[in-house]
Amino acid sequence: MYRPLTQSIVLRLPPPISTNALWRSVRGRNIKSERYREWEVKADIMVIEQKVGRIEGPYGLTIKLPRKCRVDIDNTAKCINDTAQRNGLVENDSKCMRLLIERGVEDETVCFFISTKE
């Protein structure tokens, strides 16, 4: 899917699941949990529907979680950054140079990706 280059992205996603719930060990191998696979499908559909652009190079990410989201706040960035990379919004989630996570929105998670490329 073609995504135009942009300096910022505002993205709404389902409330993220905890990093602790992303993987399961099955017969000595780590695989994505069913809950994570279901979350990925919902998130990918929401990304496609929002028709956002892409950021090239380093970026900052602000995540605003729903007030009622009961997950530990520091365990939410992994699935969001992975979704951004999987959908071509960012080149690589290792280029995230700044991260801010806070609670305060009503229903869906709101993510702000800002290019930090000079």
C-alpha atoms as a PDB file:
ATOM      1  CA  MET A   1       0.000   0.000   0.000  1.00  0.00           C
ATOM      2  CA  TYR A   2       1.368   3.416  -0.963  1.00  0.00           C
ATOM      3  CA  ARG A   3       1.804   5.831   1.931  1.00  0.00           C
ATOM      4  CA  PRO A   4       2.846   9.434   1.266  1.00  0.00           C
ATOM      5  CA  LEU A   5       5.779  10.818   3.219  1.00  0.00           C
ATOM      6  CA  THR A   6       4.681  13.081   6.088  1.00  0.00           C
ATOM      7  CA  GLN A   7       6.113  14.830   9.148  1.00  0.00           C
ATOM      8  CA  SER A   8       3.430  13.640  11.583  1.00  0.00           C
ATOM      9  CA  ILE A   9       0.758  10.988  11.993  1.00  0.00           C
ATOM     10  CA  VAL A  10      -2.239  10.896  14.327  1.00  0.00           C
ATOM     11  CA  LEU A  11      -3.509   7.352  14.693  1.00  0.00           C
ATOM     12  CA  ARG A  12      -6.343   5.773  16.678  1.00  0.00           C
ATOM     13  CA  LEU A  13      -5.894   2.185  17.788  1.00  0.00           C
ATOM     14  CA  PRO A  14      -7.635  -0.254  20.111  1.00  0.00           C
ATOM     15  CA  PRO A  15      -6.312  -0.131  23.682  1.00  0.00           C
ATOM     16  CA  PRO A  16      -2.980  -1.971  23.604  1.00  0.00           C
ATOM     17  CA  ILE A  17      -2.323  -5.208  25.402  1.00  0.00           C
ATOM     18  CA  SER A  18       0.557  -5.641  27.802  1.00  0.00           C
ATOM     19  CA  THR A  19       3.963  -6.703  26.548  1.00  0.00           C
ATOM     20  CA  ASN A  20       3.618  -9.558  29.045  1.00  0.00           C
ATOM     21  CA  ALA A  21       0.667 -10.932  27.030  1.00  0.00           C
ATOM     22  CA  LEU A  22       2.212 -10.776  23.545  1.00  0.00           C
ATOM     23  CA  TRP A  23       3.994 -14.118  23.491  1.00  0.00           C
ATOM     24  CA  ARG A  24       3.382 -17.657  24.710  1.00  0.00           C
ATOM     25  CA  SER A  25       5.813 -20.508  24.987  1.00  0.00           C
ATOM     26  CA  VAL A  26       4.640 -23.652  23.205  1.00  0.00           C
ATOM     27  CA  ARG A  27       6.907 -26.695  23.228  1.00  0.00           C
ATOM     28  CA  GLY A  28       9.962 -24.540  23.818  1.00  0.00           C
ATOM     29  CA  ARG A  29       9.132 -22.015  21.087  1.00  0.00           C
ATOM     30  CA  ASN A  30       7.817 -18.499  21.560  1.00  0.00           C
ATOM     31  CA  ILE A  31       4.763 -17.717  19.450  1.00  0.00           C
ATOM     32  CA  LYS A  32       2.354 -14.789  19.338  1.00  0.00           C
ATOM     33  CA  SER A  33      -0.505 -15.265  21.746  1.00  0.00           C
ATOM     34  CA  GLU A  34      -4.031 -15.588  20.381  1.00  0.00           C
ATOM     35  CA  ARG A  35      -4.947 -12.365  22.164  1.00  0.00           C
ATOM     36  CA  TYR A  36      -2.065 -10.525  20.447  1.00  0.00           C
ATOM     37  CA  ARG A  37      -2.978 -11.917  17.012  1.00  0.00           C
ATOM     38  CA  GLU A  38      -6.573 -10.729  17.512  1.00  0.00           C
ATOM     39  CA  TRP A  39      -5.348  -7.276  18.612  1.00  0.00           C
ATOM     40  CA  GLU A  40      -3.061  -7.076  15.547  1.00  0.00           C
ATOM     41  CA  VAL A  41      -5.983  -7.748  13.197  1.00  0.00           C
ATOM     42  CA  LYS A  42      -8.098  -5.006  14.809  1.00  0.00           C
ATOM     43  CA  ALA A  43      -5.172  -2.557  14.811  1.00  0.00           C
ATOM     44  CA  ASP A  44      -4.251  -3.290  11.174  1.00  0.00           C
ATOM     45  CA  ILE A  45      -7.845  -2.711  10.040  1.00  0.00           C
ATOM     46  CA  MET A  46      -7.935   0.601  11.906  1.00  0.00           C
ATOM     47  CA  VAL A  47      -4.628   1.698  10.318  1.00  0.00           C
ATOM     48  CA  ILE A  48      -5.913   0.866   6.826  1.00  0.00           C
ATOM     49  CA  GLU A  49      -9.191   2.709   7.418  1.00  0.00           C
ATOM     50  CA  GLN A  50      -7.378   5.865   8.593  1.00  0.00           C
ATOM     51  CA  LYS A  51      -5.249   6.168   5.424  1.00  0.00           C
ATOM     52  CA  VAL A  52      -2.277   7.758   7.160  1.00  0.00           C
ATOM     53  CA  GLY A  53       1.128   8.555   5.658  1.00  0.00           C
ATOM     54  CA  ARG A  54       4.574   7.359   6.673  1.00  0.00           C
ATOM     55  CA  ILE A  55       7.528   8.863   8.495  1.00  0.00           C
ATOM     56  CA  GLU A  56      11.055   8.365   7.271  1.00  0.00           C
ATOM     57  CA  GLY A  57      13.960   8.236   9.705  1.00  0.00           C
ATOM     58  CA  PRO A  58      13.933   8.896  13.434  1.00  0.00           C
ATOM     59  CA  TYR A  59      10.656   9.724  15.153  1.00  0.00           C
ATOM     60  CA  GLY A  60       9.068  10.460  18.495  1.00  0.00           C
ATOM     61  CA  LEU A  61       5.937   8.700  19.711  1.00  0.00           C
ATOM     62  CA  THR A  62       3.310   9.945  22.144  1.00  0.00           C
ATOM     63  CA  ILE A  63       0.725   7.391  23.270  1.00  0.00           C
ATOM     64  CA  LYS A  64      -2.450   8.541  25.006  1.00  0.00           C
ATOM     65  CA  LEU A  65      -4.197   5.610  26.653  1.00  0.00           C
ATOM     66  CA  PRO A  66      -7.845   5.393  27.658  1.00  0.00           C
ATOM     67  CA  ARG A  67      -8.384   6.374  31.311  1.00  0.00           C
ATOM     68  CA  LYS A  68      -9.876   2.955  32.020  1.00  0.00           C
ATOM     69  CA  CYS A  69      -7.052   0.977  30.375  1.00  0.00           C
ATOM     70  CA  ARG A  70      -5.849  -1.323  33.151  1.00  0.00           C
ATOM     71  CA  VAL A  71      -2.535  -2.388  31.635  1.00  0.00           C
ATOM     72  CA  ASP A  72       0.745  -1.176  33.145  1.00  0.00           C
ATOM     73  CA  ILE A  73       1.497   2.019  31.267  1.00  0.00           C
ATOM     74  CA  ASP A  74       5.108   1.033  30.522  1.00  0.00           C
ATOM     75  CA  ASN A  75       4.030  -2.219  28.845  1.00  0.00           C
ATOM     76  CA  THR A  76       2.064  -0.624  25.992  1.00  0.00           C
ATOM     77  CA  ALA A  77       4.584   0.740  23.489  1.00  0.00           C
ATOM     78  CA  LYS A  78       5.804  -2.568  21.994  1.00  0.00           C
ATOM     79  CA  CYS A  79       2.607  -3.596  20.215  1.00  0.00           C
ATOM     80  CA  ILE A  80       1.997  -0.031  18.974  1.00  0.00           C
ATOM     81  CA  ASN A  81       5.507   0.399  17.568  1.00  0.00           C
ATOM     82  CA  ASP A  82       5.351  -3.076  15.988  1.00  0.00           C
ATOM     83  CA  THR A  83       2.025  -2.158  14.354  1.00  0.00           C
ATOM     84  CA  ALA A  84       3.497   1.052  12.954  1.00  0.00           C
ATOM     85  CA  GLN A  85       6.410  -0.863  11.433  1.00  0.00           C
ATOM     86  CA  ARG A  86       4.288  -3.751  10.129  1.00  0.00           C
ATOM     87  CA  ASN A  87       1.985  -1.292   8.345  1.00  0.00           C
ATOM     88  CA  GLY A  88       4.786   0.824   6.857  1.00  0.00           C
ATOM     89  CA  LEU A  89       4.117   3.941   8.964  1.00  0.00           C
ATOM     90  CA  VAL A  90       7.740   3.938  10.135  1.00  0.00           C
ATOM     91  CA  GLU A  91      10.794   2.284   8.591  1.00  0.00           C
ATOM     92  CA  ASN A  92      11.850   0.488  11.727  1.00  0.00           C
ATOM     93  CA  ASP A  93      10.627   0.783  15.301  1.00  0.00           C
ATOM     94  CA  SER A  94      14.260   0.969  16.434  1.00  0.00           C
ATOM     95  CA  LYS A  95      14.220   4.540  15.060  1.00  0.00           C
ATOM     96  CA  CYS A  96      11.904   5.660  17.878  1.00  0.00           C
ATOM     97  CA  MET A  97      14.039   8.283  19.621  1.00  0.00           C
ATOM     98  CA  ARG A  98      11.510   9.635  22.105  1.00  0.00           C
ATOM     99  CA  LEU A  99       8.550   8.006  23.839  1.00  0.00           C
ATOM    100  CA  LEU A 100       5.850   9.531  26.042  1.00  0.00           C
ATOM    101  CA  ILE A 101       2.952   7.488  27.421  1.00  0.00           C
ATOM    102  CA  GLU A 102       0.063   8.928  29.408  1.00  0.00           C
ATOM    103  CA  ARG A 103      -3.547   8.207  30.296  1.00  0.00           C
ATOM    104  CA  GLY A 104      -6.377  10.577  29.532  1.00  0.00           C
ATOM    105  CA  VAL A 105      -8.514   9.775  26.471  1.00  0.00           C
ATOM    106  CA  GLU A 106     -11.957   8.156  26.493  1.00  0.00           C
ATOM    107  CA  ASP A 107     -12.177   4.978  24.387  1.00  0.00           C
ATOM    108  CA  GLU A 108      -9.497   4.328  21.810  1.00  0.00           C
ATOM    109  CA  THR A 109      -5.772   4.788  22.155  1.00  0.00           C
ATOM    110  CA  VAL A 110      -4.479   7.846  20.304  1.00  0.00           C
ATOM    111  CA  CYS A 111      -0.920   7.796  18.994  1.00  0.00           C
ATOM    112  CA  PHE A 112       1.076  10.740  17.677  1.00  0.00           C
ATOM    113  CA  PHE A 113       4.117   9.952  15.554  1.00  0.00           C
ATOM    114  CA  ILE A 114       6.339  12.987  14.918  1.00  0.00           C
ATOM    115  CA  SER A 115       9.376  12.997  12.636  1.00  0.00           C
ATOM    116  CA  THR A 116      12.539  14.085  14.411  1.00  0.00           C
ATOM    117  CA  LYS A 117      14.549  14.119  11.197  1.00  0.00           C
ATOM    118  CA  GLU A 118      16.354  17.420  10.685  1.00  0.00           C
END
